[in-house]
Amino acid sequence: MKHSFKKLSIALLSLGFVAFISSCSKDDPEPEVPQEEIGSATLTFTEVEWHGDHAHDLEDPEVVSVTFDEDGLPPVGAHLHLDAGKTYRLTLTATDFAGREGAEQEFLEESDIHQLFFLGAPEGVLDYQYADPDNKRVGVTGYLHVLKPSDSFVFNVILRHLNNGVKASITDADWNNPNYTKFSGENDLDLKVEVHVVDGDHDHDDH
C-alpha cells in the first residue's frame, strides 16, 4: 500500500509539473508582429526647382499634403491644387495601427514586391519619375512634373503588393498604367483625392 501511494504521489507531481509548463506556455505567447497594417497614409507634394534631370530644394516651397485614414479615405471635401509648370517631390509616408511613423520603410525594404502607381490624370497633364534611394523604384519618393492646367480629376494612388517575380516586368513608363492589375498581386493601399491643376495666375482661394 505504501508503495502504491508513493507511485501515486510521483504521478501527481509529474502531472502538476506538466500543467505548470502548459500554463506558462498559454500565459506567455510569443507576440505576433503586424505585417503591413497601415493606420494612416499621407501624400506630400513639395515644390522643387527642376534642372533637367535633378531637383534643387527651395527655401520657401509650396507644400500641399493630404492624410488618409485607415480606410484609405481623405478628409471630407479634400481638394488639392497644384500649379502647372511646377515640379513637386511627391512622398508617401505612413503610420501603423499603433500610430508609429515610418511604416512606409517596409515597402522600400521589400522593394521587389511593392510598386506605386499614380492614376487618374488626363493625358499629358502629369509626368512622374521614381526617386527612391538605391534606385529601388517603388514610388515612396518621386518627382511629379505638372505639365499643363486641367479640370479637377480624381488622383488615384495605388500601392500594389506584387506576386514574386512580377516586379521585373514593370518599367518606369508603367507609373500611370491604367492596366496595372496585369501585374498580379493585391493592393495594400488605394488612395483617392480630388486634384485641380491650375495655371500660375490662379488664386488657390477661389475654390
Protein backbone atom coordinates (compact mmCIF):
# COMPACT_ATOMS: atom_id res chain seq x y z
CA MET A 1 0.00 0.00 0.00
CA LYS A 2 2.83 2.40 0.86
CA HIS A 3 4.50 1.56 -2.41
CA SER A 4 1.28 2.33 -4.35
CA PHE A 5 0.89 5.67 -2.53
CA LYS A 6 4.45 6.62 -3.47
CA LYS A 7 3.74 5.84 -7.13
CA LEU A 8 0.55 7.93 -6.98
CA SER A 9 2.42 10.86 -5.41
CA ILE A 10 5.09 10.80 -8.13
CA ALA A 11 2.41 10.63 -10.81
CA LEU A 12 0.54 13.61 -9.35
CA LEU A 13 3.75 15.62 -9.06
CA SER A 14 4.56 14.86 -12.70
CA LEU A 15 1.11 15.94 -13.82
CA GLY A 16 1.43 19.15 -11.81
CA PHE A 17 4.76 19.94 -13.43
CA VAL A 18 3.32 19.35 -16.92
CA ALA A 19 0.31 21.53 -16.06
CA PHE A 20 2.63 24.28 -14.81
CA ILE A 21 4.64 24.22 -18.05
CA SER A 22 1.43 24.22 -20.11
CA SER A 23 0.03 27.14 -18.10
CA CYS A 24 3.21 29.18 -18.64
CA SER A 25 3.06 28.50 -22.37
CA LYS A 26 -0.55 29.72 -22.61
CA ASP A 27 0.01 32.78 -20.43
CA ASP A 28 3.15 33.93 -22.26
CA PRO A 29 2.56 33.51 -26.00
CA GLU A 30 5.05 34.90 -28.47
CA PRO A 31 3.74 38.29 -29.68
CA GLU A 32 2.85 38.49 -33.34
CA VAL A 33 4.38 41.31 -35.32
CA PRO A 34 1.78 43.04 -37.54
CA GLN A 35 2.67 42.99 -41.23
CA GLU A 36 1.76 45.95 -43.47
CA GLU A 37 -1.08 47.09 -41.20
CA ILE A 38 -1.45 50.74 -42.19
CA GLY A 39 -3.17 53.12 -39.78
CA SER A 40 -2.86 56.23 -41.97
CA ALA A 41 -1.10 57.38 -45.12
CA THR A 42 -0.02 60.87 -46.17
CA LEU A 43 0.82 62.21 -49.62
CA THR A 44 3.01 65.32 -49.54
CA PHE A 45 3.73 67.46 -52.60
CA THR A 46 6.75 69.73 -52.01
CA GLU A 47 7.68 72.20 -54.74
CA VAL A 48 11.27 71.89 -56.01
CA GLU A 49 13.34 73.63 -58.67
CA TRP A 50 13.90 71.19 -61.51
CA HIS A 51 17.09 71.25 -63.57
CA GLY A 52 16.88 68.82 -66.46
CA ASP A 53 17.43 65.57 -64.57
CA HIS A 54 17.66 66.60 -60.92
CA ALA A 55 15.98 68.81 -58.34
CA HIS A 56 17.08 71.59 -56.04
CA ASP A 57 15.23 72.32 -52.82
CA LEU A 58 13.64 75.76 -52.42
CA GLU A 59 13.91 77.94 -49.32
CA ASP A 60 10.18 78.60 -49.21
CA PRO A 61 8.48 75.88 -51.26
CA GLU A 62 4.80 75.41 -51.84
CA VAL A 63 3.75 72.33 -49.84
CA VAL A 64 0.45 70.52 -50.32
CA SER A 65 -0.48 67.41 -48.35
CA VAL A 66 -3.40 65.15 -47.57
CA THR A 67 -3.73 62.39 -44.96
CA PHE A 68 -5.91 59.32 -45.44
CA ASP A 69 -7.38 57.31 -42.58
CA GLU A 70 -7.11 53.54 -42.04
CA ASP A 71 -9.89 53.00 -44.60
CA GLY A 72 -7.95 54.97 -47.22
CA LEU A 73 -10.32 57.95 -47.07
CA PRO A 74 -9.22 61.60 -47.18
CA PRO A 75 -10.89 64.32 -45.07
CA VAL A 76 -14.39 65.20 -46.25
CA GLY A 77 -14.21 67.78 -49.01
CA ALA A 78 -10.46 67.38 -49.60
CA HIS A 79 -9.47 69.16 -52.81
CA LEU A 80 -5.82 69.77 -53.73
CA HIS A 81 -4.43 72.48 -56.01
CA LEU A 82 -1.22 72.00 -57.96
CA ASP A 83 0.41 74.60 -60.23
CA ALA A 84 1.05 73.90 -63.89
CA GLY A 85 4.70 74.29 -64.82
CA LYS A 86 5.99 73.24 -61.40
CA THR A 87 7.70 70.07 -60.21
CA TYR A 88 6.86 68.55 -56.84
CA ARG A 89 8.66 65.98 -54.77
CA LEU A 90 5.86 63.54 -54.01
CA THR A 91 6.36 61.41 -50.92
CA LEU A 92 4.27 58.72 -49.28
CA THR A 93 4.55 58.37 -45.52
CA ALA A 94 2.53 56.04 -43.33
CA THR A 95 1.84 55.03 -39.75
CA ASP A 96 0.90 51.64 -38.38
CA PHE A 97 -2.26 50.98 -36.36
CA ALA A 98 -0.43 52.00 -33.18
CA GLY A 99 0.28 55.43 -34.70
CA ARG A 100 4.00 54.82 -35.11
CA GLU A 101 5.60 56.62 -38.04
CA GLY A 102 7.84 55.08 -40.68
CA ALA A 103 5.60 52.22 -41.84
CA GLU A 104 6.47 53.11 -45.45
CA GLN A 105 10.02 51.84 -44.87
CA GLU A 106 8.72 48.28 -45.13
CA PHE A 107 7.73 48.96 -48.74
CA LEU A 108 11.29 50.01 -49.51
CA GLU A 109 12.82 47.09 -47.63
CA GLU A 110 10.67 44.76 -49.73
CA SER A 111 11.04 46.75 -52.96
CA ASP A 112 10.97 43.56 -55.04
CA ILE A 113 7.28 43.03 -54.22
CA HIS A 114 5.96 46.61 -53.94
CA GLN A 115 5.08 49.20 -56.58
CA LEU A 116 3.21 52.50 -56.54
CA PHE A 117 1.07 53.63 -59.48
CA PHE A 118 -0.27 57.17 -59.97
CA LEU A 119 -3.50 57.20 -61.94
CA GLY A 120 -6.43 59.39 -62.89
CA ALA A 121 -4.86 62.47 -64.51
CA PRO A 122 -5.93 63.39 -68.04
CA GLU A 123 -3.36 62.57 -70.70
CA GLY A 124 -0.44 64.98 -70.87
CA VAL A 125 -1.13 66.71 -67.53
CA LEU A 126 1.41 64.88 -65.35
CA ASP A 127 4.72 63.13 -65.73
CA TYR A 128 6.48 61.18 -62.99
CA GLN A 129 9.93 59.86 -62.10
CA TYR A 130 10.68 57.35 -59.35
CA ALA A 131 13.34 58.66 -56.96
CA ASP A 132 13.64 56.14 -54.14
CA PRO A 133 17.06 55.58 -52.55
CA ASP A 134 19.34 52.95 -54.12
CA ASN A 135 17.20 53.01 -57.29
CA LYS A 136 14.60 50.78 -55.66
CA ARG A 137 11.84 52.25 -57.89
CA VAL A 138 8.87 51.78 -55.58
CA GLY A 139 7.40 55.28 -55.56
CA VAL A 140 7.64 56.14 -51.87
CA THR A 141 9.61 59.15 -53.17
CA GLY A 142 9.40 60.57 -56.69
CA TYR A 143 9.11 63.73 -58.76
CA LEU A 144 5.77 64.80 -60.20
CA HIS A 145 6.05 67.19 -63.15
CA VAL A 146 2.86 69.22 -63.66
CA LEU A 147 2.81 69.99 -67.38
CA LYS A 148 -0.40 71.90 -68.03
CA PRO A 149 -3.64 73.10 -66.37
CA SER A 150 -6.54 70.70 -66.10
CA ASP A 151 -10.06 70.49 -64.77
CA SER A 152 -10.42 68.63 -61.49
CA PHE A 153 -9.81 64.88 -61.56
CA VAL A 154 -9.55 62.07 -59.04
CA PHE A 155 -5.90 61.34 -58.36
CA ASN A 156 -5.65 57.65 -57.52
CA VAL A 157 -2.51 56.30 -55.84
CA ILE A 158 -2.23 52.52 -55.76
CA LEU A 159 0.33 50.61 -53.72
CA ARG A 160 0.49 47.16 -55.24
CA HIS A 161 1.77 44.11 -53.32
CA LEU A 162 3.11 42.03 -56.19
CA ASN A 163 3.44 38.32 -56.56
CA ASN A 164 7.02 37.03 -56.63
CA GLY A 165 8.85 37.73 -59.89
CA VAL A 166 6.34 40.27 -61.23
CA LYS A 167 8.42 43.37 -60.45
CA ALA A 168 10.92 42.56 -63.18
CA SER A 169 8.26 43.16 -65.85
CA ILE A 170 7.42 46.71 -64.65
CA THR A 171 9.19 49.62 -66.37
CA ASP A 172 9.43 53.32 -65.48
CA ALA A 173 6.81 54.01 -68.15
CA ASP A 174 4.24 52.00 -66.15
CA TRP A 175 3.97 54.67 -63.42
CA ASN A 176 0.42 55.52 -64.63
CA ASN A 177 -0.52 52.28 -66.35
CA PRO A 178 -4.33 52.00 -66.09
CA ASN A 179 -3.97 48.25 -66.61
CA TYR A 180 -1.77 47.87 -63.53
CA THR A 181 -3.79 44.83 -62.42
CA LYS A 182 -1.99 42.83 -65.11
CA PHE A 183 0.91 42.91 -62.64
CA SER A 184 -0.51 40.16 -60.45
CA GLY A 185 -0.89 40.76 -56.74
CA GLU A 186 -3.18 42.76 -54.48
CA ASN A 187 -3.48 46.36 -53.34
CA ASP A 188 -2.03 47.39 -49.99
CA LEU A 189 -3.28 50.97 -50.48
CA ASP A 190 -5.90 52.52 -52.75
CA LEU A 191 -5.94 56.28 -52.12
CA LYS A 192 -8.17 58.76 -53.95
CA VAL A 193 -8.30 62.55 -53.69
CA GLU A 194 -9.59 65.32 -55.97
CA VAL A 195 -6.86 67.38 -57.65
CA HIS A 196 -7.18 70.58 -59.67
CA VAL A 197 -4.21 71.71 -61.77
CA VAL A 198 -4.24 75.47 -62.16
CA ASP A 199 -2.14 77.97 -64.11
CA GLY A 200 0.29 80.28 -62.35
CA ASP A 201 -2.14 83.23 -62.19
CA HIS A 202 -4.88 81.24 -60.48
CA ASP A 203 -5.82 82.17 -56.91
CA HIS A 204 -5.96 78.94 -54.86
CA ASP A 205 -8.50 80.53 -52.53
CA ASP A 206 -11.06 80.78 -55.32
CA HIS A 207 -12.07 77.11 -54.89
